[in-house]
Amino acid sequence: MTANMEISATHLEIKKPLRVQGELNFYNTINQDGEPLKDSKISVSKQGLRVLLIMKAVGIPMTPYEVLNEYAKQFPACLVTSIRRAMTNLTNTVPQLLIKTAEMKMERYGKPNYKWKIA
């Protein structure tokens, strides 16, 4: 992976506006409402876009921990569970933006993690 990678929207090479069915979900398990809920939904959308930008810029299949390491170089800290949620959401969009591969890598805590790639 690249060191000191700078991520920008130009890495996506978008030729037409991106339209997906559904949204990059914030699962409201903490029962927020009003402005806090709105802010959480915006934050989740930003994380999803950032994950997509990282995956596109790096250009190779990555585990959530690999994405988290790149994310931490450019953006405010977040949890690996947030990265996993973003990757799952991007996998479930229409059109599909990420693909979960069969390839795995041994990661933290001695557990294998799947890799995802750009669709």
C-alpha atoms as a PDB file:
ATOM      1  CA  MET A   1       0.000   0.000   0.000  1.00  0.00           C
ATOM      2  CA  THR A   2       1.088   3.538  -0.566  1.00  0.00           C
ATOM      3  CA  ALA A   3       2.541   5.756   2.119  1.00  0.00           C
ATOM      4  CA  ASN A   4       1.127   9.250   2.633  1.00  0.00           C
ATOM      5  CA  MET A   5      -1.503   8.636  -0.012  1.00  0.00           C
ATOM      6  CA  GLU A   6      -3.649  11.653  -0.781  1.00  0.00           C
ATOM      7  CA  ILE A   7      -7.239  10.782  -1.581  1.00  0.00           C
ATOM      8  CA  SER A   8      -9.493  12.952  -3.679  1.00  0.00           C
ATOM      9  CA  ALA A   9     -12.634  12.554  -5.756  1.00  0.00           C
ATOM     10  CA  THR A  10     -10.499  12.553  -8.915  1.00  0.00           C
ATOM     11  CA  HIS A  11      -9.366   9.012  -8.067  1.00  0.00           C
ATOM     12  CA  LEU A  12     -12.883   7.768  -8.816  1.00  0.00           C
ATOM     13  CA  GLU A  13     -12.859   8.904 -12.436  1.00  0.00           C
ATOM     14  CA  ILE A  14     -16.629   9.328 -12.351  1.00  0.00           C
ATOM     15  CA  LYS A  15     -18.002   9.755 -15.853  1.00  0.00           C
ATOM     16  CA  LYS A  16     -21.617  10.279 -14.795  1.00  0.00           C
ATOM     17  CA  PRO A  17     -23.373  11.006 -11.515  1.00  0.00           C
ATOM     18  CA  LEU A  18     -23.327   8.050  -9.156  1.00  0.00           C
ATOM     19  CA  ARG A  19     -26.796   6.763  -8.386  1.00  0.00           C
ATOM     20  CA  VAL A  20     -27.386   3.860  -6.064  1.00  0.00           C
ATOM     21  CA  GLN A  21     -30.568   2.328  -4.726  1.00  0.00           C
ATOM     22  CA  GLY A  22     -30.882   2.713  -0.981  1.00  0.00           C
ATOM     23  CA  GLU A  23     -28.514   4.673   1.180  1.00  0.00           C
ATOM     24  CA  LEU A  24     -25.275   3.981   2.998  1.00  0.00           C
ATOM     25  CA  ASN A  25     -27.099   3.080   6.181  1.00  0.00           C
ATOM     26  CA  PHE A  26     -26.601   4.283   9.711  1.00  0.00           C
ATOM     27  CA  TYR A  27     -28.129   1.532  11.820  1.00  0.00           C
ATOM     28  CA  ASN A  28     -29.796   3.553  14.543  1.00  0.00           C
ATOM     29  CA  THR A  29     -29.263   1.064  17.393  1.00  0.00           C
ATOM     30  CA  ILE A  30     -28.805   3.915  19.882  1.00  0.00           C
ATOM     31  CA  ASN A  31     -32.212   5.466  19.101  1.00  0.00           C
ATOM     32  CA  GLN A  32     -31.018   8.893  18.035  1.00  0.00           C
ATOM     33  CA  ASP A  33     -33.441  11.429  16.609  1.00  0.00           C
ATOM     34  CA  GLY A  34     -33.417  14.984  15.302  1.00  0.00           C
ATOM     35  CA  GLU A  35     -30.077  16.651  14.559  1.00  0.00           C
ATOM     36  CA  PRO A  36     -27.890  13.920  16.126  1.00  0.00           C
ATOM     37  CA  LEU A  37     -29.514  11.321  13.849  1.00  0.00           C
ATOM     38  CA  LYS A  38     -29.072  13.574  10.811  1.00  0.00           C
ATOM     39  CA  ASP A  39     -25.390  14.130  11.714  1.00  0.00           C
ATOM     40  CA  SER A  40     -24.815  10.383  12.136  1.00  0.00           C
ATOM     41  CA  LYS A  41     -26.315   9.650   8.701  1.00  0.00           C
ATOM     42  CA  ILE A  42     -24.077  12.286   7.106  1.00  0.00           C
ATOM     43  CA  SER A  43     -21.020  10.842   8.870  1.00  0.00           C
ATOM     44  CA  VAL A  44     -21.806   7.334   7.581  1.00  0.00           C
ATOM     45  CA  SER A  45     -22.155   8.632   4.017  1.00  0.00           C
ATOM     46  CA  LYS A  46     -18.774  10.370   4.287  1.00  0.00           C
ATOM     47  CA  GLN A  47     -17.146   7.202   5.622  1.00  0.00           C
ATOM     48  CA  GLY A  48     -18.576   5.172   2.749  1.00  0.00           C
ATOM     49  CA  LEU A  49     -17.256   7.609   0.168  1.00  0.00           C
ATOM     50  CA  ARG A  50     -13.860   7.705   1.872  1.00  0.00           C
ATOM     51  CA  VAL A  51     -13.655   3.891   1.910  1.00  0.00           C
ATOM     52  CA  LEU A  52     -14.560   3.819  -1.777  1.00  0.00           C
ATOM     53  CA  LEU A  53     -11.897   6.445  -2.558  1.00  0.00           C
ATOM     54  CA  ILE A  54      -9.256   4.471  -0.643  1.00  0.00           C
ATOM     55  CA  MET A  55     -10.156   1.206  -2.370  1.00  0.00           C
ATOM     56  CA  LYS A  56     -10.011   2.891  -5.786  1.00  0.00           C
ATOM     57  CA  ALA A  57      -6.707   4.679  -5.054  1.00  0.00           C
ATOM     58  CA  VAL A  58      -4.934   1.588  -3.701  1.00  0.00           C
ATOM     59  CA  GLY A  59      -6.303  -0.589  -6.498  1.00  0.00           C
ATOM     60  CA  ILE A  60      -5.823  -3.997  -4.864  1.00  0.00           C
ATOM     61  CA  PRO A  61      -8.152  -6.143  -2.734  1.00  0.00           C
ATOM     62  CA  MET A  62      -8.043  -5.082   0.919  1.00  0.00           C
ATOM     63  CA  THR A  63      -9.257  -6.300   4.304  1.00  0.00           C
ATOM     64  CA  PRO A  64     -11.166  -3.931   6.601  1.00  0.00           C
ATOM     65  CA  TYR A  65      -8.027  -3.547   8.737  1.00  0.00           C
ATOM     66  CA  GLU A  66      -5.964  -2.566   5.674  1.00  0.00           C
ATOM     67  CA  VAL A  67      -8.596   0.008   4.763  1.00  0.00           C
ATOM     68  CA  LEU A  68      -8.622   1.259   8.362  1.00  0.00           C
ATOM     69  CA  ASN A  69      -4.839   1.765   8.276  1.00  0.00           C
ATOM     70  CA  GLU A  70      -5.100   3.855   5.090  1.00  0.00           C
ATOM     71  CA  TYR A  71      -8.162   5.691   6.432  1.00  0.00           C
ATOM     72  CA  ALA A  72      -6.271   6.744   9.581  1.00  0.00           C
ATOM     73  CA  LYS A  73      -3.574   8.419   7.450  1.00  0.00           C
ATOM     74  CA  GLN A  74      -6.065  10.812   5.853  1.00  0.00           C
ATOM     75  CA  PHE A  75      -9.209  11.139   7.963  1.00  0.00           C
ATOM     76  CA  PRO A  76     -10.395  11.370  11.586  1.00  0.00           C
ATOM     77  CA  ALA A  77     -10.093   8.132  13.539  1.00  0.00           C
ATOM     78  CA  CYS A  78     -12.897   5.606  13.379  1.00  0.00           C
ATOM     79  CA  LEU A  79     -13.493   2.019  14.475  1.00  0.00           C
ATOM     80  CA  VAL A  80     -12.881  -1.036  12.307  1.00  0.00           C
ATOM     81  CA  THR A  81     -16.581  -1.840  12.764  1.00  0.00           C
ATOM     82  CA  SER A  82     -17.396   1.420  10.960  1.00  0.00           C
ATOM     83  CA  ILE A  83     -15.110   0.403   8.093  1.00  0.00           C
ATOM     84  CA  ARG A  84     -16.745  -3.041   7.960  1.00  0.00           C
ATOM     85  CA  ARG A  85     -20.203  -1.439   7.882  1.00  0.00           C
ATOM     86  CA  ALA A  86     -19.142   0.879   5.056  1.00  0.00           C
ATOM     87  CA  MET A  87     -17.649  -2.001   3.060  1.00  0.00           C
ATOM     88  CA  THR A  88     -20.783  -4.128   3.550  1.00  0.00           C
ATOM     89  CA  ASN A  89     -23.033  -1.228   2.553  1.00  0.00           C
ATOM     90  CA  LEU A  90     -20.935  -0.598  -0.581  1.00  0.00           C
ATOM     91  CA  THR A  91     -21.220  -4.310  -1.398  1.00  0.00           C
ATOM     92  CA  ASN A  92     -25.021  -4.179  -1.094  1.00  0.00           C
ATOM     93  CA  THR A  93     -25.596  -1.102  -3.271  1.00  0.00           C
ATOM     94  CA  VAL A  94     -27.209  -1.198  -6.715  1.00  0.00           C
ATOM     95  CA  PRO A  95     -25.061  -0.981  -8.729  1.00  0.00           C
ATOM     96  CA  GLN A  96     -22.627  -2.912  -6.550  1.00  0.00           C
ATOM     97  CA  LEU A  97     -19.561  -0.773  -5.756  1.00  0.00           C
ATOM     98  CA  LEU A  98     -17.431  -3.326  -3.862  1.00  0.00           C
ATOM     99  CA  ILE A  99     -17.148  -7.099  -4.193  1.00  0.00           C
ATOM    100  CA  LYS A 100     -16.266  -9.402  -1.290  1.00  0.00           C
ATOM    101  CA  THR A 101     -13.657 -11.841  -2.605  1.00  0.00           C
ATOM    102  CA  ALA A 102     -12.925 -15.401  -1.483  1.00  0.00           C
ATOM    103  CA  GLU A 103      -9.371 -14.314  -0.601  1.00  0.00           C
ATOM    104  CA  MET A 104      -8.561 -14.032   3.096  1.00  0.00           C
ATOM    105  CA  LYS A 105      -5.646 -12.665   5.119  1.00  0.00           C
ATOM    106  CA  MET A 106      -4.705 -13.414   8.715  1.00  0.00           C
ATOM    107  CA  GLU A 107      -5.256 -10.171  10.640  1.00  0.00           C
ATOM    108  CA  ARG A 108      -5.411  -8.911  14.198  1.00  0.00           C
ATOM    109  CA  TYR A 109      -6.260 -11.341  16.948  1.00  0.00           C
ATOM    110  CA  GLY A 110      -5.097 -14.214  14.720  1.00  0.00           C
ATOM    111  CA  LYS A 111      -8.354 -14.269  12.762  1.00  0.00           C
ATOM    112  CA  PRO A 112      -8.713 -14.475   8.974  1.00  0.00           C
ATOM    113  CA  ASN A 113     -10.423 -11.520   7.286  1.00  0.00           C
ATOM    114  CA  TYR A 114     -11.939 -11.430   3.811  1.00  0.00           C
ATOM    115  CA  LYS A 115     -10.683  -8.976   1.217  1.00  0.00           C
ATOM    116  CA  TRP A 116     -12.891  -6.721  -0.882  1.00  0.00           C
ATOM    117  CA  LYS A 117     -12.204  -5.181  -4.280  1.00  0.00           C
ATOM    118  CA  ILE A 118     -13.700  -2.484  -6.482  1.00  0.00           C
ATOM    119  CA  ALA A 119     -16.619  -3.815  -8.536  1.00  0.00           C
END
